[in-house]
Amino acid sequence: ATGFSPRKTSLTIYIMPGYADFGDILKGLGKHRTGRSCLYINRLEAVDEGVLRKLIAAGLRDLGSRWPVAPS
């Protein structure tokens, strides 16, 4: 439920079901922008790695509360 795609203009991180409920975590992340379920980061060095880990974990917990989640 989490994906990563290096794009020409930015790194894109996908978290399902989206970022709508993670505003408090995103505040501490650093420079970024979001789409519906996409997080765009120009440079990985521009964000706090610990906050990014927390955001991904929160996304997996949120998804797990809706549907069964298992590592793949």
PDB file of N, CA and C in Angstrom:
ATOM      1  N   ALA A   1       0.813  -1.185   0.000  1.00  0.00           N
ATOM      2  CA  ALA A   1       0.000   0.000   0.000  1.00  0.00           C
ATOM      3  C   ALA A   1       0.856   1.247   0.000  1.00  0.00           C
ATOM      4  N   THR A   2       2.172   1.075  -0.158  1.00  0.00           N
ATOM      5  CA  THR A   2       3.075   2.210  -0.281  1.00  0.00           C
ATOM      6  C   THR A   2       3.965   1.971  -1.485  1.00  0.00           C
ATOM      7  N   GLY A   3       4.131   2.976  -2.309  1.00  0.00           N
ATOM      8  CA  GLY A   3       4.976   2.842  -3.490  1.00  0.00           C
ATOM      9  C   GLY A   3       5.894   4.041  -3.616  1.00  0.00           C
ATOM     10  N   PHE A   4       6.948   3.872  -4.400  1.00  0.00           N
ATOM     11  CA  PHE A   4       7.953   4.907  -4.592  1.00  0.00           C
ATOM     12  C   PHE A   4       8.289   4.969  -6.072  1.00  0.00           C
ATOM     13  N   SER A   5       8.330   6.172  -6.622  1.00  0.00           N
ATOM     14  CA  SER A   5       8.657   6.330  -8.031  1.00  0.00           C
ATOM     15  C   SER A   5       9.554   7.547  -8.220  1.00  0.00           C
ATOM     16  N   PRO A   6      10.800   7.333  -8.655  1.00  0.00           N
ATOM     17  CA  PRO A   6      11.645   8.487  -8.971  1.00  0.00           C
ATOM     18  C   PRO A   6      11.198   9.068 -10.316  1.00  0.00           C
ATOM     19  N   ARG A   7      10.780  10.303 -10.320  1.00  0.00           N
ATOM     20  CA  ARG A   7      10.331  10.973 -11.542  1.00  0.00           C
ATOM     21  C   ARG A   7      11.357  12.019 -11.948  1.00  0.00           C
ATOM     22  N   LYS A   8      11.189  12.552 -13.123  1.00  0.00           N
ATOM     23  CA  LYS A   8      12.126  13.546 -13.635  1.00  0.00           C
ATOM     24  C   LYS A   8      12.183  14.793 -12.750  1.00  0.00           C
ATOM     25  N   THR A   9      11.027  15.248 -12.290  1.00  0.00           N
ATOM     26  CA  THR A   9      10.984  16.495 -11.519  1.00  0.00           C
ATOM     27  C   THR A   9      10.948  16.301 -10.012  1.00  0.00           C
ATOM     28  N   SER A  10      10.583  15.106  -9.557  1.00  0.00           N
ATOM     29  CA  SER A  10      10.483  14.887  -8.110  1.00  0.00           C
ATOM     30  C   SER A  10      10.422  13.398  -7.803  1.00  0.00           C
ATOM     31  N   LEU A  11      10.582  13.076  -6.538  1.00  0.00           N
ATOM     32  CA  LEU A  11      10.347  11.716  -6.060  1.00  0.00           C
ATOM     33  C   LEU A  11       8.881  11.649  -5.671  1.00  0.00           C
ATOM     34  N   THR A  12       8.217  10.596  -6.072  1.00  0.00           N
ATOM     35  CA  THR A  12       6.801  10.451  -5.758  1.00  0.00           C
ATOM     36  C   THR A  12       6.619   9.258  -4.841  1.00  0.00           C
ATOM     37  N   ILE A  13       5.929   9.478  -3.735  1.00  0.00           N
ATOM     38  CA  ILE A  13       5.628   8.409  -2.787  1.00  0.00           C
ATOM     39  C   ILE A  13       4.117   8.280  -2.730  1.00  0.00           C
ATOM     40  N   TYR A  14       3.643   7.064  -2.967  1.00  0.00           N
ATOM     41  CA  TYR A  14       2.208   6.788  -2.957  1.00  0.00           C
ATOM     42  C   TYR A  14       1.857   6.095  -1.650  1.00  0.00           C
ATOM     43  N   ILE A  15       0.884   6.611  -0.953  1.00  0.00           N
ATOM     44  CA  ILE A  15       0.382   5.969   0.257  1.00  0.00           C
ATOM     45  C   ILE A  15      -1.124   5.846   0.110  1.00  0.00           C
ATOM     46  N   MET A  16      -1.601   4.639   0.202  1.00  0.00           N
ATOM     47  CA  MET A  16      -3.042   4.409   0.113  1.00  0.00           C
ATOM     48  C   MET A  16      -3.585   4.319   1.532  1.00  0.00           C
ATOM     49  N   PRO A  17      -4.707   4.840   1.823  1.00  0.00           N
ATOM     50  CA  PRO A  17      -5.714   5.413   0.944  1.00  0.00           C
ATOM     51  C   PRO A  17      -5.536   6.897   0.655  1.00  0.00           C
ATOM     52  N   GLY A  18      -4.466   7.525   1.060  1.00  0.00           N
ATOM     53  CA  GLY A  18      -4.222   8.932   0.751  1.00  0.00           C
ATOM     54  C   GLY A  18      -3.678   9.682   1.949  1.00  0.00           C
ATOM     55  N   TYR A  19      -3.506  10.978   1.782  1.00  0.00           N
ATOM     56  CA  TYR A  19      -2.863  11.808   2.800  1.00  0.00           C
ATOM     57  C   TYR A  19      -3.826  12.697   3.570  1.00  0.00           C
ATOM     58  N   ALA A  20      -5.114  12.586   3.310  1.00  0.00           N
ATOM     59  CA  ALA A  20      -6.089  13.520   3.874  1.00  0.00           C
ATOM     60  C   ALA A  20      -6.045  13.604   5.398  1.00  0.00           C
ATOM     61  N   ASP A  21      -5.815  12.497   6.078  1.00  0.00           N
ATOM     62  CA  ASP A  21      -5.875  12.483   7.542  1.00  0.00           C
ATOM     63  C   ASP A  21      -4.514  12.644   8.216  1.00  0.00           C
ATOM     64  N   PHE A  22      -3.479  12.978   7.469  1.00  0.00           N
ATOM     65  CA  PHE A  22      -2.133  13.014   8.029  1.00  0.00           C
ATOM     66  C   PHE A  22      -1.532  14.418   8.065  1.00  0.00           C
ATOM     67  N   GLY A  23      -2.389  15.433   8.160  1.00  0.00           N
ATOM     68  CA  GLY A  23      -1.920  16.814   8.171  1.00  0.00           C
ATOM     69  C   GLY A  23      -0.938  17.120   9.281  1.00  0.00           C
ATOM     70  N   ASP A  24      -1.168  16.578  10.471  1.00  0.00           N
ATOM     71  CA  ASP A  24      -0.260  16.835  11.596  1.00  0.00           C
ATOM     72  C   ASP A  24       1.127  16.270  11.338  1.00  0.00           C
ATOM     73  N   ILE A  25       1.193  15.090  10.737  1.00  0.00           N
ATOM     74  CA  ILE A  25       2.491  14.483  10.432  1.00  0.00           C
ATOM     75  C   ILE A  25       3.172  15.261   9.308  1.00  0.00           C
ATOM     76  N   LEU A  26       2.415  15.623   8.285  1.00  0.00           N
ATOM     77  CA  LEU A  26       2.980  16.331   7.132  1.00  0.00           C
ATOM     78  C   LEU A  26       3.591  17.672   7.515  1.00  0.00           C
ATOM     79  N   LYS A  27       3.068  18.304   8.566  1.00  0.00           N
ATOM     80  CA  LYS A  27       3.604  19.596   9.009  1.00  0.00           C
ATOM     81  C   LYS A  27       5.081  19.503   9.360  1.00  0.00           C
ATOM     82  N   GLY A  28       5.516  18.368   9.891  1.00  0.00           N
ATOM     83  CA  GLY A  28       6.904  18.214  10.301  1.00  0.00           C
ATOM     84  C   GLY A  28       7.801  17.596   9.253  1.00  0.00           C
ATOM     85  N   LEU A  29       7.262  17.293   8.084  1.00  0.00           N
ATOM     86  CA  LEU A  29       8.027  16.566   7.067  1.00  0.00           C
ATOM     87  C   LEU A  29       9.107  17.402   6.411  1.00  0.00           C
ATOM     88  N   GLY A  30       8.813  18.635   6.109  1.00  0.00           N
ATOM     89  CA  GLY A  30       9.738  19.463   5.339  1.00  0.00           C
ATOM     90  C   GLY A  30       9.094  19.832   4.015  1.00  0.00           C
ATOM     91  N   LYS A  31       9.901  20.295   3.063  1.00  0.00           N
ATOM     92  CA  LYS A  31       9.375  20.791   1.792  1.00  0.00           C
ATOM     93  C   LYS A  31       8.802  19.656   0.951  1.00  0.00           C
ATOM     94  N   HIS A  32       7.507  19.760   0.636  1.00  0.00           N
ATOM     95  CA  HIS A  32       6.806  18.744  -0.150  1.00  0.00           C
ATOM     96  C   HIS A  32       5.520  19.339  -0.702  1.00  0.00           C
ATOM     97  N   ARG A  33       4.864  18.590  -1.565  1.00  0.00           N
ATOM     98  CA  ARG A  33       3.498  18.903  -1.969  1.00  0.00           C
ATOM     99  C   ARG A  33       2.758  17.586  -2.101  1.00  0.00           C
ATOM    100  N   THR A  34       1.437  17.635  -2.035  1.00  0.00           N
ATOM    101  CA  THR A  34       0.655  16.406  -2.075  1.00  0.00           C
ATOM    102  C   THR A  34      -0.411  16.463  -3.158  1.00  0.00           C
ATOM    103  N   GLY A  35      -0.764  15.276  -3.628  1.00  0.00           N
ATOM    104  CA  GLY A  35      -1.928  15.067  -4.473  1.00  0.00           C
ATOM    105  C   GLY A  35      -2.896  14.237  -3.657  1.00  0.00           C
ATOM    106  N   ARG A  36      -3.841  13.601  -4.294  1.00  0.00           N
ATOM    107  CA  ARG A  36      -4.831  12.813  -3.563  1.00  0.00           C
ATOM    108  C   ARG A  36      -4.171  11.685  -2.771  1.00  0.00           C
ATOM    109  N   SER A  37      -3.331  10.901  -3.411  1.00  0.00           N
ATOM    110  CA  SER A  37      -2.614   9.840  -2.687  1.00  0.00           C
ATOM    111  C   SER A  37      -1.128   9.871  -3.012  1.00  0.00           C
ATOM    112  N   CYS A  38      -0.645  11.007  -3.521  1.00  0.00           N
ATOM    113  CA  CYS A  38       0.762  11.148  -3.898  1.00  0.00           C
ATOM    114  C   CYS A  38       1.439  12.215  -3.048  1.00  0.00           C
ATOM    115  N   LEU A  39       2.648  11.920  -2.663  1.00  0.00           N
ATOM    116  CA  LEU A  39       3.490  12.878  -1.959  1.00  0.00           C
ATOM    117  C   LEU A  39       4.666  13.168  -2.877  1.00  0.00           C
ATOM    118  N   TYR A  40       4.883  14.430  -3.202  1.00  0.00           N
ATOM    119  CA  TYR A  40       5.958  14.822  -4.105  1.00  0.00           C
ATOM    120  C   TYR A  40       7.059  15.499  -3.304  1.00  0.00           C
ATOM    121  N   ILE A  41       8.279  15.014  -3.478  1.00  0.00           N
ATOM    122  CA  ILE A  41       9.448  15.555  -2.791  1.00  0.00           C
ATOM    123  C   ILE A  41      10.497  15.854  -3.854  1.00  0.00           C
ATOM    124  N   ASN A  42      10.997  17.079  -3.880  1.00  0.00           N
ATOM    125  CA  ASN A  42      12.016  17.419  -4.875  1.00  0.00           C
ATOM    126  C   ASN A  42      13.342  16.736  -4.574  1.00  0.00           C
ATOM    127  N   ARG A  43      13.733  16.745  -3.316  1.00  0.00           N
ATOM    128  CA  ARG A  43      14.981  16.102  -2.902  1.00  0.00           C
ATOM    129  C   ARG A  43      14.743  15.390  -1.583  1.00  0.00           C
ATOM    130  N   LEU A  44      15.195  14.166  -1.477  1.00  0.00           N
ATOM    131  CA  LEU A  44      15.007  13.396  -0.254  1.00  0.00           C
ATOM    132  C   LEU A  44      15.680  14.079   0.937  1.00  0.00           C
ATOM    133  N   GLU A  45      16.780  14.769   0.686  1.00  0.00           N
ATOM    134  CA  GLU A  45      17.495  15.468   1.753  1.00  0.00           C
ATOM    135  C   GLU A  45      16.675  16.624   2.332  1.00  0.00           C
ATOM    136  N   ALA A  46      15.633  17.053   1.620  1.00  0.00           N
ATOM    137  CA  ALA A  46      14.826  18.196   2.055  1.00  0.00           C
ATOM    138  C   ALA A  46      13.740  17.817   3.058  1.00  0.00           C
ATOM    139  N   VAL A  47      13.594  16.525   3.350  1.00  0.00           N
ATOM    140  CA  VAL A  47      12.562  16.097   4.294  1.00  0.00           C
ATOM    141  C   VAL A  47      13.191  15.359   5.469  1.00  0.00           C
ATOM    142  N   ASP A  48      12.471  15.311   6.559  1.00  0.00           N
ATOM    143  CA  ASP A  48      12.907  14.613   7.765  1.00  0.00           C
ATOM    144  C   ASP A  48      12.618  13.121   7.593  1.00  0.00           C
ATOM    145  N   GLU A  49      13.659  12.303   7.557  1.00  0.00           N
ATOM    146  CA  GLU A  49      13.497  10.864   7.326  1.00  0.00           C
ATOM    147  C   GLU A  49      12.637  10.203   8.400  1.00  0.00           C
ATOM    148  N   GLY A  50      12.797  10.601   9.642  1.00  0.00           N
ATOM    149  CA  GLY A  50      11.995  10.029  10.724  1.00  0.00           C
ATOM    150  C   GLY A  50      10.513  10.320  10.548  1.00  0.00           C
ATOM    151  N   VAL A  51      10.195  11.532  10.118  1.00  0.00           N
ATOM    152  CA  VAL A  51       8.797  11.899   9.880  1.00  0.00           C
ATOM    153  C   VAL A  51       8.258  11.128   8.680  1.00  0.00           C
ATOM    154  N   LEU A  52       9.074  10.946   7.644  1.00  0.00           N
ATOM    155  CA  LEU A  52       8.651  10.165   6.479  1.00  0.00           C
ATOM    156  C   LEU A  52       8.353   8.723   6.878  1.00  0.00           C
ATOM    157  N   ARG A  53       9.190   8.140   7.707  1.00  0.00           N
ATOM    158  CA  ARG A  53       8.939   6.776   8.204  1.00  0.00           C
ATOM    159  C   ARG A  53       7.624   6.722   8.995  1.00  0.00           C
ATOM    160  N   LYS A  54       7.418   7.729   9.837  1.00  0.00           N
ATOM    161  CA  LYS A  54       6.191   7.803  10.640  1.00  0.00           C
ATOM    162  C   LYS A  54       4.964   7.923   9.735  1.00  0.00           C
ATOM    163  N   LEU A  55       5.072   8.710   8.676  1.00  0.00           N
ATOM    164  CA  LEU A  55       3.975   8.894   7.727  1.00  0.00           C
ATOM    165  C   LEU A  55       3.634   7.588   7.009  1.00  0.00           C
ATOM    166  N   ILE A  56       4.643   6.870   6.553  1.00  0.00           N
ATOM    167  CA  ILE A  56       4.413   5.592   5.869  1.00  0.00           C
ATOM    168  C   ILE A  56       3.777   4.591   6.821  1.00  0.00           C
ATOM    169  N   ALA A  57       4.276   4.525   8.052  1.00  0.00           N
ATOM    170  CA  ALA A  57       3.702   3.603   9.043  1.00  0.00           C
ATOM    171  C   ALA A  57       2.248   3.964   9.343  1.00  0.00           C
ATOM    172  N   ALA A  58       1.957   5.259   9.450  1.00  0.00           N
ATOM    173  CA  ALA A  58       0.578   5.693   9.712  1.00  0.00           C
ATOM    174  C   ALA A  58      -0.332   5.318   8.549  1.00  0.00           C
ATOM    175  N   GLY A  59       0.166   5.446   7.331  1.00  0.00           N
ATOM    176  CA  GLY A  59      -0.615   5.055   6.165  1.00  0.00           C
ATOM    177  C   GLY A  59      -0.924   3.570   6.153  1.00  0.00           C
ATOM    178  N   LEU A  60       0.058   2.754   6.521  1.00  0.00           N
ATOM    179  CA  LEU A  60      -0.166   1.304   6.576  1.00  0.00           C
ATOM    180  C   LEU A  60      -1.145   0.933   7.682  1.00  0.00           C
ATOM    181  N   ARG A  61      -1.041   1.603   8.838  1.00  0.00           N
ATOM    182  CA  ARG A  61      -2.005   1.353   9.917  1.00  0.00           C
ATOM    183  C   ARG A  61      -3.418   1.728   9.484  1.00  0.00           C
ATOM    184  N   ASP A  62      -3.537   2.871   8.825  1.00  0.00           N
ATOM    185  CA  ASP A  62      -4.845   3.324   8.365  1.00  0.00           C
ATOM    186  C   ASP A  62      -5.429   2.340   7.354  1.00  0.00           C
ATOM    187  N   LEU A  63      -4.618   1.901   6.425  1.00  0.00           N
ATOM    188  CA  LEU A  63      -5.080   0.926   5.443  1.00  0.00           C
ATOM    189  C   LEU A  63      -5.462  -0.381   6.123  1.00  0.00           C
ATOM    190  N   GLY A  64      -4.652  -0.813   7.103  1.00  0.00           N
ATOM    191  CA  GLY A  64      -4.930  -2.049   7.833  1.00  0.00           C
ATOM    192  C   GLY A  64      -6.214  -1.996   8.639  1.00  0.00           C
ATOM    193  N   SER A  65      -6.629  -0.799   9.016  1.00  0.00           N
ATOM    194  CA  SER A  65      -7.892  -0.676   9.747  1.00  0.00           C
ATOM    195  C   SER A  65      -9.094  -0.824   8.812  1.00  0.00           C
ATOM    196  N   ARG A  66      -8.855  -0.694   7.514  1.00  0.00           N
ATOM    197  CA  ARG A  66      -9.927  -0.806   6.522  1.00  0.00           C
ATOM    198  C   ARG A  66      -9.942  -2.169   5.832  1.00  0.00           C
ATOM    199  N   TRP A  67      -8.750  -2.699   5.526  1.00  0.00           N
ATOM    200  CA  TRP A  67      -8.618  -3.967   4.806  1.00  0.00           C
ATOM    201  C   TRP A  67      -7.447  -4.752   5.385  1.00  0.00           C
ATOM    202  N   PRO A  68      -7.406  -6.071   5.208  1.00  0.00           N
ATOM    203  CA  PRO A  68      -6.261  -6.864   5.672  1.00  0.00           C
ATOM    204  C   PRO A  68      -4.987  -6.444   4.926  1.00  0.00           C
ATOM    205  N   VAL A  69      -3.896  -6.268   5.660  1.00  0.00           N
ATOM    206  CA  VAL A  69      -2.620  -5.861   5.074  1.00  0.00           C
ATOM    207  C   VAL A  69      -1.561  -6.872   5.479  1.00  0.00           C
ATOM    208  N   ALA A  70      -0.756  -7.311   4.511  1.00  0.00           N
ATOM    209  CA  ALA A  70       0.353  -8.228   4.778  1.00  0.00           C
ATOM    210  C   ALA A  70       1.545  -7.790   3.941  1.00  0.00           C
ATOM    211  N   PRO A  71       2.764  -7.954   4.447  1.00  0.00           N
ATOM    212  CA  PRO A  71       3.949  -7.599   3.656  1.00  0.00           C
ATOM    213  C   PRO A  71       4.012  -8.434   2.387  1.00  0.00           C
ATOM    214  N   SER A  72       4.558  -7.851   1.344  1.00  0.00           N
ATOM    215  CA  SER A  72       4.722  -8.610   0.099  1.00  0.00           C
ATOM    216  C   SER A  72       6.147  -8.553  -0.373  1.00  0.00           C
TER     217      SER A  72
END
